């Protein structure tokens, strides 16, 4: 009998509410919330200034965290990952965390309109001024160009929220 925890991760465009939903899932499922942004900022303070910096440091972080997350799942605790799952490649890594140990997973797809995402981004700039340099329409447009809608053929258990 599999008594592993469930891995929850999210997809949605910038500003869709992934971090907010992650916190809700943490409470709803009595889960451990792991935020990539928090880990990156703690380990590499002031070193992520461009998307290329993010990609570099994120790749350093993932192998270390994968084993840690799998161990948490193996002892029966649920885990919510506030990591981007916006491309097939990103989702492949996220689902592999659970599939390699035969744990369950759920991908929460925040299917939110571009207009609503941009409203959230503008609000976030007011609430978190330190993010203003990244929270722009230009960044939204750039990152949105890479967004891939999740498909069941990726081996995902998808829960869509509109």
N, C-alpha and C. Protein backbone atom coordinates (compact mmCIF):
# COMPACT_ATOMS: atom_id res chain seq x y z
N UNK A 1 0.84 -1.19 0.00
CA UNK A 1 0.00 0.00 0.00
C UNK A 1 0.89 1.25 0.00
N UNK A 2 0.62 2.15 -0.94
CA UNK A 2 1.39 3.38 -1.06
C UNK A 2 0.87 4.39 -0.04
N UNK A 3 1.72 4.74 0.90
CA UNK A 3 1.34 5.75 1.89
C UNK A 3 2.11 7.04 1.68
N UNK A 4 2.63 7.21 0.48
CA UNK A 4 3.38 8.42 0.18
C UNK A 4 2.44 9.63 0.17
N UNK A 5 3.04 10.80 0.39
CA UNK A 5 2.30 12.04 0.25
C UNK A 5 2.05 12.33 -1.22
N UNK A 6 1.26 13.35 -1.46
CA UNK A 6 0.97 13.80 -2.83
C UNK A 6 1.78 15.05 -3.12
N UNK A 7 2.32 15.11 -4.34
CA UNK A 7 3.06 16.28 -4.80
C UNK A 7 2.10 17.17 -5.59
N UNK A 8 2.01 18.42 -5.18
CA UNK A 8 1.20 19.42 -5.88
C UNK A 8 2.14 20.43 -6.51
N UNK A 9 1.90 20.74 -7.78
CA UNK A 9 2.65 21.80 -8.44
C UNK A 9 1.72 22.52 -9.39
N UNK A 10 2.16 23.68 -9.86
CA UNK A 10 1.26 24.58 -10.58
C UNK A 10 1.80 25.02 -11.92
N UNK A 11 0.87 25.40 -12.78
CA UNK A 11 1.21 26.04 -14.03
C UNK A 11 0.22 27.17 -14.26
N UNK A 12 0.68 28.18 -14.92
CA UNK A 12 -0.13 29.35 -15.23
C UNK A 12 0.81 30.48 -15.58
N UNK A 13 0.34 31.38 -16.37
CA UNK A 13 1.20 32.49 -16.79
C UNK A 13 1.59 33.36 -15.60
N UNK A 14 2.61 34.16 -15.81
CA UNK A 14 3.05 35.12 -14.79
C UNK A 14 1.85 35.93 -14.32
N UNK A 15 1.66 36.04 -13.03
CA UNK A 15 0.56 36.81 -12.48
C UNK A 15 -0.74 36.03 -12.34
N UNK A 16 -0.73 34.75 -12.67
CA UNK A 16 -1.97 33.95 -12.59
C UNK A 16 -2.36 33.64 -11.15
N UNK A 17 -1.40 33.76 -10.22
CA UNK A 17 -1.71 33.49 -8.82
C UNK A 17 -1.12 32.20 -8.30
N UNK A 18 -0.04 31.73 -8.92
CA UNK A 18 0.55 30.45 -8.52
C UNK A 18 1.05 30.47 -7.07
N UNK A 19 1.72 31.53 -6.66
CA UNK A 19 2.23 31.58 -5.29
C UNK A 19 1.09 31.67 -4.28
N UNK A 20 0.07 32.44 -4.60
CA UNK A 20 -1.09 32.55 -3.72
C UNK A 20 -1.79 31.20 -3.60
N UNK A 21 -1.98 30.53 -4.73
CA UNK A 21 -2.64 29.21 -4.72
C UNK A 21 -1.78 28.19 -3.99
N UNK A 22 -0.46 28.31 -4.10
CA UNK A 22 0.44 27.39 -3.39
C UNK A 22 0.21 27.47 -1.89
N UNK A 23 0.06 28.68 -1.39
CA UNK A 23 -0.18 28.88 0.05
C UNK A 23 -1.52 28.28 0.47
N UNK A 24 -2.53 28.42 -0.39
CA UNK A 24 -3.83 27.82 -0.11
C UNK A 24 -3.73 26.29 -0.06
N UNK A 25 -3.02 25.72 -1.03
CA UNK A 25 -2.85 24.27 -1.07
C UNK A 25 -2.08 23.76 0.15
N UNK A 26 -1.10 24.54 0.59
CA UNK A 26 -0.34 24.18 1.79
C UNK A 26 -1.30 23.98 2.96
N UNK A 27 -2.23 24.91 3.14
CA UNK A 27 -3.19 24.83 4.24
C UNK A 27 -4.21 23.71 4.02
N UNK A 28 -4.74 23.63 2.82
CA UNK A 28 -5.79 22.65 2.53
C UNK A 28 -5.33 21.21 2.69
N UNK A 29 -4.07 20.96 2.36
CA UNK A 29 -3.57 19.58 2.33
C UNK A 29 -2.52 19.30 3.40
N UNK A 30 -2.42 20.21 4.39
CA UNK A 30 -1.45 20.04 5.46
C UNK A 30 -0.09 19.66 4.87
N UNK A 31 0.37 20.48 3.94
CA UNK A 31 1.54 20.17 3.13
C UNK A 31 2.74 21.02 3.50
N UNK A 32 3.90 20.55 3.08
CA UNK A 32 5.13 21.33 3.16
C UNK A 32 5.20 22.16 1.88
N UNK A 33 5.30 23.46 2.01
CA UNK A 33 5.41 24.36 0.86
C UNK A 33 6.88 24.67 0.62
N UNK A 34 7.33 24.43 -0.60
CA UNK A 34 8.71 24.74 -0.97
C UNK A 34 8.65 25.72 -2.14
N UNK A 35 9.21 26.91 -1.92
CA UNK A 35 9.20 27.98 -2.91
C UNK A 35 10.58 28.12 -3.53
N UNK A 36 10.64 27.96 -4.83
CA UNK A 36 11.92 28.12 -5.53
C UNK A 36 12.47 29.52 -5.32
N UNK A 37 11.62 30.53 -5.41
CA UNK A 37 12.09 31.91 -5.24
C UNK A 37 12.75 32.12 -3.88
N UNK A 38 12.17 31.56 -2.83
CA UNK A 38 12.74 31.71 -1.49
C UNK A 38 14.10 31.03 -1.39
N UNK A 39 14.20 29.83 -1.92
CA UNK A 39 15.47 29.11 -1.88
C UNK A 39 16.54 29.85 -2.68
N UNK A 40 16.17 30.30 -3.88
CA UNK A 40 17.15 31.01 -4.71
C UNK A 40 17.62 32.30 -4.06
N UNK A 41 16.70 33.04 -3.48
CA UNK A 41 17.08 34.29 -2.83
C UNK A 41 17.95 34.03 -1.60
N UNK A 42 17.66 32.98 -0.87
CA UNK A 42 18.46 32.65 0.31
C UNK A 42 19.87 32.18 -0.05
N UNK A 43 19.96 31.36 -1.08
CA UNK A 43 21.26 30.80 -1.45
C UNK A 43 22.09 31.71 -2.35
N UNK A 44 21.42 32.51 -3.16
CA UNK A 44 22.12 33.36 -4.13
C UNK A 44 21.61 34.80 -4.06
N UNK A 45 21.73 35.44 -2.89
CA UNK A 45 21.17 36.79 -2.74
C UNK A 45 21.79 37.78 -3.71
N UNK A 46 20.93 38.54 -4.33
CA UNK A 46 21.32 39.62 -5.25
C UNK A 46 22.10 39.12 -6.46
N UNK A 47 22.04 37.83 -6.75
CA UNK A 47 22.78 37.30 -7.91
C UNK A 47 21.87 37.01 -9.10
N UNK A 48 20.58 37.15 -8.91
CA UNK A 48 19.65 36.86 -10.00
C UNK A 48 19.07 38.19 -10.49
N UNK A 49 19.63 38.65 -11.58
CA UNK A 49 19.24 39.95 -12.13
C UNK A 49 18.61 39.85 -13.51
N UNK A 50 18.76 38.70 -14.15
CA UNK A 50 18.22 38.47 -15.49
C UNK A 50 17.70 37.04 -15.56
N UNK A 51 16.94 36.76 -16.59
CA UNK A 51 16.38 35.42 -16.75
C UNK A 51 17.49 34.38 -16.88
N UNK A 52 18.59 34.72 -17.54
CA UNK A 52 19.71 33.78 -17.66
C UNK A 52 20.28 33.43 -16.29
N UNK A 53 20.34 34.41 -15.38
CA UNK A 53 20.81 34.15 -14.01
C UNK A 53 19.86 33.17 -13.34
N UNK A 54 18.57 33.39 -13.49
CA UNK A 54 17.59 32.49 -12.89
C UNK A 54 17.80 31.06 -13.40
N UNK A 55 17.94 30.91 -14.71
CA UNK A 55 18.10 29.58 -15.28
C UNK A 55 19.35 28.88 -14.74
N UNK A 56 20.43 29.62 -14.62
CA UNK A 56 21.69 29.07 -14.11
C UNK A 56 21.53 28.56 -12.68
N UNK A 57 21.03 29.42 -11.80
CA UNK A 57 20.94 29.06 -10.39
C UNK A 57 19.84 28.05 -10.12
N UNK A 58 18.78 28.11 -10.88
CA UNK A 58 17.70 27.14 -10.73
C UNK A 58 18.21 25.73 -11.03
N UNK A 59 19.04 25.61 -12.06
CA UNK A 59 19.60 24.30 -12.42
C UNK A 59 20.51 23.76 -11.32
N UNK A 60 21.17 24.64 -10.60
CA UNK A 60 22.02 24.20 -9.49
C UNK A 60 21.18 23.70 -8.31
N UNK A 61 20.04 24.31 -8.12
CA UNK A 61 19.18 24.01 -6.98
C UNK A 61 18.39 22.71 -7.14
N UNK A 62 17.92 22.44 -8.34
CA UNK A 62 16.98 21.35 -8.56
C UNK A 62 17.47 19.97 -8.14
N UNK A 63 18.68 19.56 -8.47
CA UNK A 63 19.10 18.20 -8.05
C UNK A 63 19.12 18.01 -6.53
N UNK A 64 19.51 19.04 -5.82
CA UNK A 64 19.57 18.97 -4.36
C UNK A 64 18.16 18.84 -3.79
N UNK A 65 17.27 19.69 -4.28
CA UNK A 65 15.90 19.68 -3.75
C UNK A 65 15.12 18.43 -4.13
N UNK A 66 15.40 17.87 -5.29
CA UNK A 66 14.64 16.70 -5.75
C UNK A 66 14.70 15.57 -4.72
N UNK A 67 15.88 15.24 -4.27
CA UNK A 67 16.04 14.17 -3.29
C UNK A 67 15.34 14.53 -1.98
N UNK A 68 15.46 15.77 -1.58
CA UNK A 68 14.82 16.26 -0.35
C UNK A 68 13.29 16.12 -0.44
N UNK A 69 12.73 16.55 -1.56
CA UNK A 69 11.29 16.49 -1.77
C UNK A 69 10.81 15.04 -1.79
N UNK A 70 11.56 14.19 -2.47
CA UNK A 70 11.17 12.77 -2.52
C UNK A 70 11.16 12.16 -1.13
N UNK A 71 12.10 12.53 -0.30
CA UNK A 71 12.15 11.99 1.07
C UNK A 71 10.92 12.45 1.87
N UNK A 72 10.52 13.69 1.69
CA UNK A 72 9.33 14.20 2.38
C UNK A 72 8.09 13.42 1.93
N UNK A 73 7.98 13.17 0.63
CA UNK A 73 6.86 12.40 0.10
C UNK A 73 6.87 10.96 0.63
N UNK A 74 8.05 10.38 0.70
CA UNK A 74 8.17 8.98 1.14
C UNK A 74 7.72 8.77 2.58
N UNK A 75 7.84 9.79 3.40
CA UNK A 75 7.39 9.62 4.79
C UNK A 75 5.90 9.93 4.96
N UNK A 76 5.23 10.24 3.84
CA UNK A 76 3.78 10.41 3.88
C UNK A 76 3.29 11.83 3.94
N UNK A 77 4.19 12.79 3.86
CA UNK A 77 3.76 14.20 3.89
C UNK A 77 3.51 14.71 2.48
N UNK A 78 2.51 15.56 2.36
CA UNK A 78 2.22 16.22 1.09
C UNK A 78 3.20 17.37 0.89
N UNK A 79 3.49 17.65 -0.38
CA UNK A 79 4.41 18.73 -0.73
C UNK A 79 3.76 19.59 -1.81
N UNK A 80 3.83 20.90 -1.61
CA UNK A 80 3.41 21.86 -2.64
C UNK A 80 4.67 22.56 -3.13
N UNK A 81 4.88 22.52 -4.44
CA UNK A 81 6.04 23.18 -5.03
C UNK A 81 5.61 24.45 -5.73
N UNK A 82 6.11 25.56 -5.24
CA UNK A 82 5.91 26.85 -5.90
C UNK A 82 7.12 27.06 -6.81
N UNK A 83 7.13 26.26 -7.88
CA UNK A 83 8.15 26.29 -8.93
C UNK A 83 7.40 26.50 -10.24
N UNK A 84 8.02 27.12 -11.22
CA UNK A 84 7.32 27.25 -12.50
C UNK A 84 7.16 25.89 -13.18
N UNK A 85 5.97 25.66 -13.66
CA UNK A 85 5.69 24.45 -14.43
C UNK A 85 5.05 24.85 -15.75
N UNK A 86 5.63 25.84 -16.40
CA UNK A 86 4.97 26.46 -17.55
C UNK A 86 5.40 25.92 -18.90
N UNK A 87 6.39 25.02 -18.91
CA UNK A 87 6.79 24.38 -20.16
C UNK A 87 6.77 22.88 -19.95
N UNK A 88 6.74 22.14 -21.04
CA UNK A 88 6.77 20.68 -20.94
C UNK A 88 8.03 20.22 -20.22
N UNK A 89 9.14 20.88 -20.48
CA UNK A 89 10.40 20.49 -19.84
C UNK A 89 10.33 20.71 -18.33
N UNK A 90 9.81 21.86 -17.90
CA UNK A 90 9.69 22.12 -16.47
C UNK A 90 8.75 21.10 -15.82
N UNK A 91 7.63 20.83 -16.46
CA UNK A 91 6.66 19.88 -15.90
C UNK A 91 7.22 18.47 -15.88
N UNK A 92 8.03 18.13 -16.86
CA UNK A 92 8.64 16.81 -16.88
C UNK A 92 9.51 16.61 -15.64
N UNK A 93 10.29 17.62 -15.28
CA UNK A 93 11.11 17.51 -14.07
C UNK A 93 10.23 17.41 -12.83
N UNK A 94 9.20 18.23 -12.76
CA UNK A 94 8.33 18.23 -11.58
C UNK A 94 7.62 16.89 -11.41
N UNK A 95 7.07 16.35 -12.48
CA UNK A 95 6.35 15.08 -12.36
C UNK A 95 7.32 13.94 -12.08
N UNK A 96 8.57 14.05 -12.54
CA UNK A 96 9.55 12.99 -12.28
C UNK A 96 9.84 12.84 -10.78
N UNK A 97 9.72 13.92 -10.05
CA UNK A 97 9.94 13.85 -8.59
C UNK A 97 9.01 12.81 -7.98
N UNK A 98 7.74 12.86 -8.39
CA UNK A 98 6.75 11.92 -7.85
C UNK A 98 6.84 10.56 -8.55
N UNK A 99 6.94 10.55 -9.86
CA UNK A 99 6.87 9.28 -10.59
C UNK A 99 8.05 8.35 -10.27
N UNK A 100 9.21 8.90 -10.01
CA UNK A 100 10.37 8.07 -9.70
C UNK A 100 10.20 7.25 -8.41
N UNK A 101 9.35 7.73 -7.52
CA UNK A 101 9.12 7.00 -6.27
C UNK A 101 7.69 6.47 -6.17
N UNK A 102 6.95 6.55 -7.27
CA UNK A 102 5.56 6.08 -7.34
C UNK A 102 4.63 6.82 -6.39
N UNK A 103 4.88 8.11 -6.19
CA UNK A 103 3.98 8.95 -5.41
C UNK A 103 2.95 9.59 -6.35
N UNK A 104 1.84 10.02 -5.79
CA UNK A 104 0.82 10.71 -6.57
C UNK A 104 1.21 12.16 -6.77
N UNK A 105 0.65 12.75 -7.81
CA UNK A 105 0.86 14.19 -8.04
C UNK A 105 -0.42 14.80 -8.60
N UNK A 106 -0.49 16.11 -8.47
CA UNK A 106 -1.57 16.88 -9.09
C UNK A 106 -0.97 18.17 -9.61
N UNK A 107 -1.25 18.46 -10.87
CA UNK A 107 -0.85 19.72 -11.48
C UNK A 107 -2.06 20.65 -11.46
N UNK A 108 -1.93 21.76 -10.79
CA UNK A 108 -3.00 22.76 -10.73
C UNK A 108 -2.73 23.75 -11.86
N UNK A 109 -3.62 23.79 -12.84
CA UNK A 109 -3.49 24.67 -14.01
C UNK A 109 -4.37 25.90 -13.79
N UNK A 110 -3.73 27.02 -13.52
CA UNK A 110 -4.45 28.29 -13.35
C UNK A 110 -4.62 28.92 -14.73
N UNK A 111 -5.74 28.64 -15.34
CA UNK A 111 -6.04 29.10 -16.70
C UNK A 111 -6.72 30.47 -16.61
N UNK A 112 -5.90 31.49 -16.41
CA UNK A 112 -6.36 32.86 -16.15
C UNK A 112 -6.06 33.73 -17.37
N UNK A 113 -6.97 34.64 -17.69
CA UNK A 113 -6.78 35.50 -18.87
C UNK A 113 -5.55 36.40 -18.71
N UNK A 114 -4.99 36.78 -19.85
CA UNK A 114 -3.84 37.70 -19.84
C UNK A 114 -4.19 39.00 -19.13
N UNK A 115 -5.38 39.50 -19.35
CA UNK A 115 -5.80 40.76 -18.73
C UNK A 115 -5.78 40.65 -17.20
N UNK A 116 -6.31 39.54 -16.69
CA UNK A 116 -6.34 39.34 -15.24
C UNK A 116 -4.93 39.16 -14.70
N UNK A 117 -4.08 38.44 -15.41
CA UNK A 117 -2.68 38.27 -14.99
C UNK A 117 -1.98 39.63 -14.89
N UNK A 118 -2.19 40.47 -15.88
CA UNK A 118 -1.55 41.79 -15.86
C UNK A 118 -2.08 42.65 -14.72
N UNK A 119 -3.37 42.53 -14.38
CA UNK A 119 -3.90 43.24 -13.21
C UNK A 119 -3.21 42.77 -11.94
N UNK A 120 -3.03 41.45 -11.80
CA UNK A 120 -2.34 40.90 -10.64
C UNK A 120 -0.90 41.41 -10.56
N UNK A 121 -0.23 41.46 -11.70
CA UNK A 121 1.16 41.92 -11.75
C UNK A 121 1.24 43.38 -11.30
N UNK A 122 0.34 44.21 -11.79
CA UNK A 122 0.35 45.62 -11.38
C UNK A 122 0.08 45.78 -9.90
N UNK A 123 -0.82 44.98 -9.35
CA UNK A 123 -1.10 45.02 -7.92
C UNK A 123 0.11 44.56 -7.12
N UNK A 124 0.76 43.52 -7.60
CA UNK A 124 1.94 42.98 -6.92
C UNK A 124 3.08 43.99 -6.88
N UNK A 125 3.21 44.78 -7.95
CA UNK A 125 4.25 45.83 -7.96
C UNK A 125 4.03 46.82 -6.83
N UNK A 126 2.77 47.11 -6.54
CA UNK A 126 2.46 48.05 -5.45
C UNK A 126 2.75 47.42 -4.09
N UNK A 127 2.43 46.15 -3.95
CA UNK A 127 2.59 45.46 -2.67
C UNK A 127 4.03 45.03 -2.42
N UNK A 128 4.78 44.75 -3.48
CA UNK A 128 6.16 44.28 -3.36
C UNK A 128 7.04 45.09 -4.31
N UNK A 129 7.37 46.33 -3.94
CA UNK A 129 8.12 47.22 -4.84
C UNK A 129 9.47 46.65 -5.31
N UNK A 130 10.05 45.75 -4.54
CA UNK A 130 11.33 45.17 -4.94
C UNK A 130 11.20 44.29 -6.18
N UNK A 131 9.99 43.92 -6.54
CA UNK A 131 9.76 43.10 -7.74
C UNK A 131 9.47 43.94 -8.98
N UNK A 132 9.39 45.25 -8.82
CA UNK A 132 8.95 46.12 -9.91
C UNK A 132 9.80 45.99 -11.17
N UNK A 133 11.10 45.74 -11.02
CA UNK A 133 11.94 45.66 -12.22
C UNK A 133 11.61 44.43 -13.06
N UNK A 134 11.07 43.37 -12.44
CA UNK A 134 10.70 42.17 -13.19
C UNK A 134 9.22 42.12 -13.54
N UNK A 135 8.40 42.71 -12.71
CA UNK A 135 6.96 42.65 -12.90
C UNK A 135 6.50 43.73 -13.88
N UNK A 136 6.76 43.47 -15.15
CA UNK A 136 6.40 44.42 -16.21
C UNK A 136 5.62 43.69 -17.30
N UNK A 137 4.93 44.45 -18.11
CA UNK A 137 4.22 43.85 -19.23
C UNK A 137 5.21 43.21 -20.20
N UNK A 138 6.38 43.82 -20.36
CA UNK A 138 7.39 43.28 -21.26
C UNK A 138 7.86 41.89 -20.78
N UNK A 139 8.08 41.77 -19.48
CA UNK A 139 8.49 40.48 -18.93
C UNK A 139 7.36 39.47 -19.08
N UNK A 140 6.13 39.91 -18.81
CA UNK A 140 4.97 39.05 -18.97
C UNK A 140 4.89 38.53 -20.41
N UNK A 141 5.00 39.44 -21.37
CA UNK A 141 4.92 39.04 -22.78
C UNK A 141 6.03 38.07 -23.15
N UNK A 142 7.24 38.35 -22.68
CA UNK A 142 8.38 37.49 -22.99
C UNK A 142 8.16 36.09 -22.42
N UNK A 143 7.84 36.02 -21.13
CA UNK A 143 7.66 34.71 -20.49
C UNK A 143 6.45 33.97 -21.05
N UNK A 144 5.40 34.71 -21.40
CA UNK A 144 4.20 34.08 -21.96
C UNK A 144 4.50 33.42 -23.30
N UNK A 145 5.50 33.92 -24.01
CA UNK A 145 5.85 33.33 -25.31
C UNK A 145 6.36 31.90 -25.16
N UNK A 146 6.79 31.52 -23.96
CA UNK A 146 7.29 30.17 -23.72
C UNK A 146 6.23 29.25 -23.10
N UNK A 147 5.12 29.82 -22.65
CA UNK A 147 4.10 29.05 -21.95
C UNK A 147 3.51 27.98 -22.86
N UNK A 148 3.41 26.76 -22.33
CA UNK A 148 2.79 25.66 -23.06
C UNK A 148 1.65 25.11 -22.21
N UNK A 149 0.46 25.06 -22.79
CA UNK A 149 -0.70 24.54 -22.08
C UNK A 149 -0.44 23.07 -21.75
N UNK A 150 -0.68 22.65 -20.50
CA UNK A 150 -0.42 21.26 -20.13
C UNK A 150 -1.39 20.31 -20.82
N UNK A 151 -0.89 19.10 -21.09
CA UNK A 151 -1.69 18.08 -21.75
C UNK A 151 -1.61 16.77 -20.97
N UNK A 152 -2.69 16.04 -20.96
CA UNK A 152 -2.72 14.75 -20.27
C UNK A 152 -1.66 13.81 -20.85
N UNK A 153 -1.33 13.98 -22.13
CA UNK A 153 -0.33 13.11 -22.76
C UNK A 153 1.05 13.24 -22.11
N UNK A 154 1.23 14.28 -21.29
CA UNK A 154 2.50 14.45 -20.55
C UNK A 154 2.54 13.56 -19.31
N UNK A 155 1.49 12.80 -19.08
CA UNK A 155 1.44 11.94 -17.89
C UNK A 155 1.03 12.69 -16.65
N UNK A 156 0.24 13.74 -16.82
CA UNK A 156 -0.12 14.64 -15.72
C UNK A 156 -1.54 14.38 -15.23
N UNK A 157 -1.73 14.54 -13.94
CA UNK A 157 -3.06 14.58 -13.33
C UNK A 157 -3.41 16.06 -13.16
N UNK A 158 -4.19 16.58 -14.08
CA UNK A 158 -4.42 18.03 -14.20
C UNK A 158 -5.74 18.41 -13.54
N UNK A 159 -5.67 19.46 -12.71
CA UNK A 159 -6.86 20.10 -12.16
C UNK A 159 -6.83 21.53 -12.69
N UNK A 160 -7.81 21.86 -13.56
CA UNK A 160 -7.84 23.17 -14.19
C UNK A 160 -8.74 24.11 -13.41
N UNK A 161 -8.23 25.33 -13.15
CA UNK A 161 -9.00 26.37 -12.48
C UNK A 161 -9.07 27.56 -13.41
N UNK A 162 -10.30 27.98 -13.71
CA UNK A 162 -10.50 29.15 -14.60
C UNK A 162 -10.92 30.34 -13.80
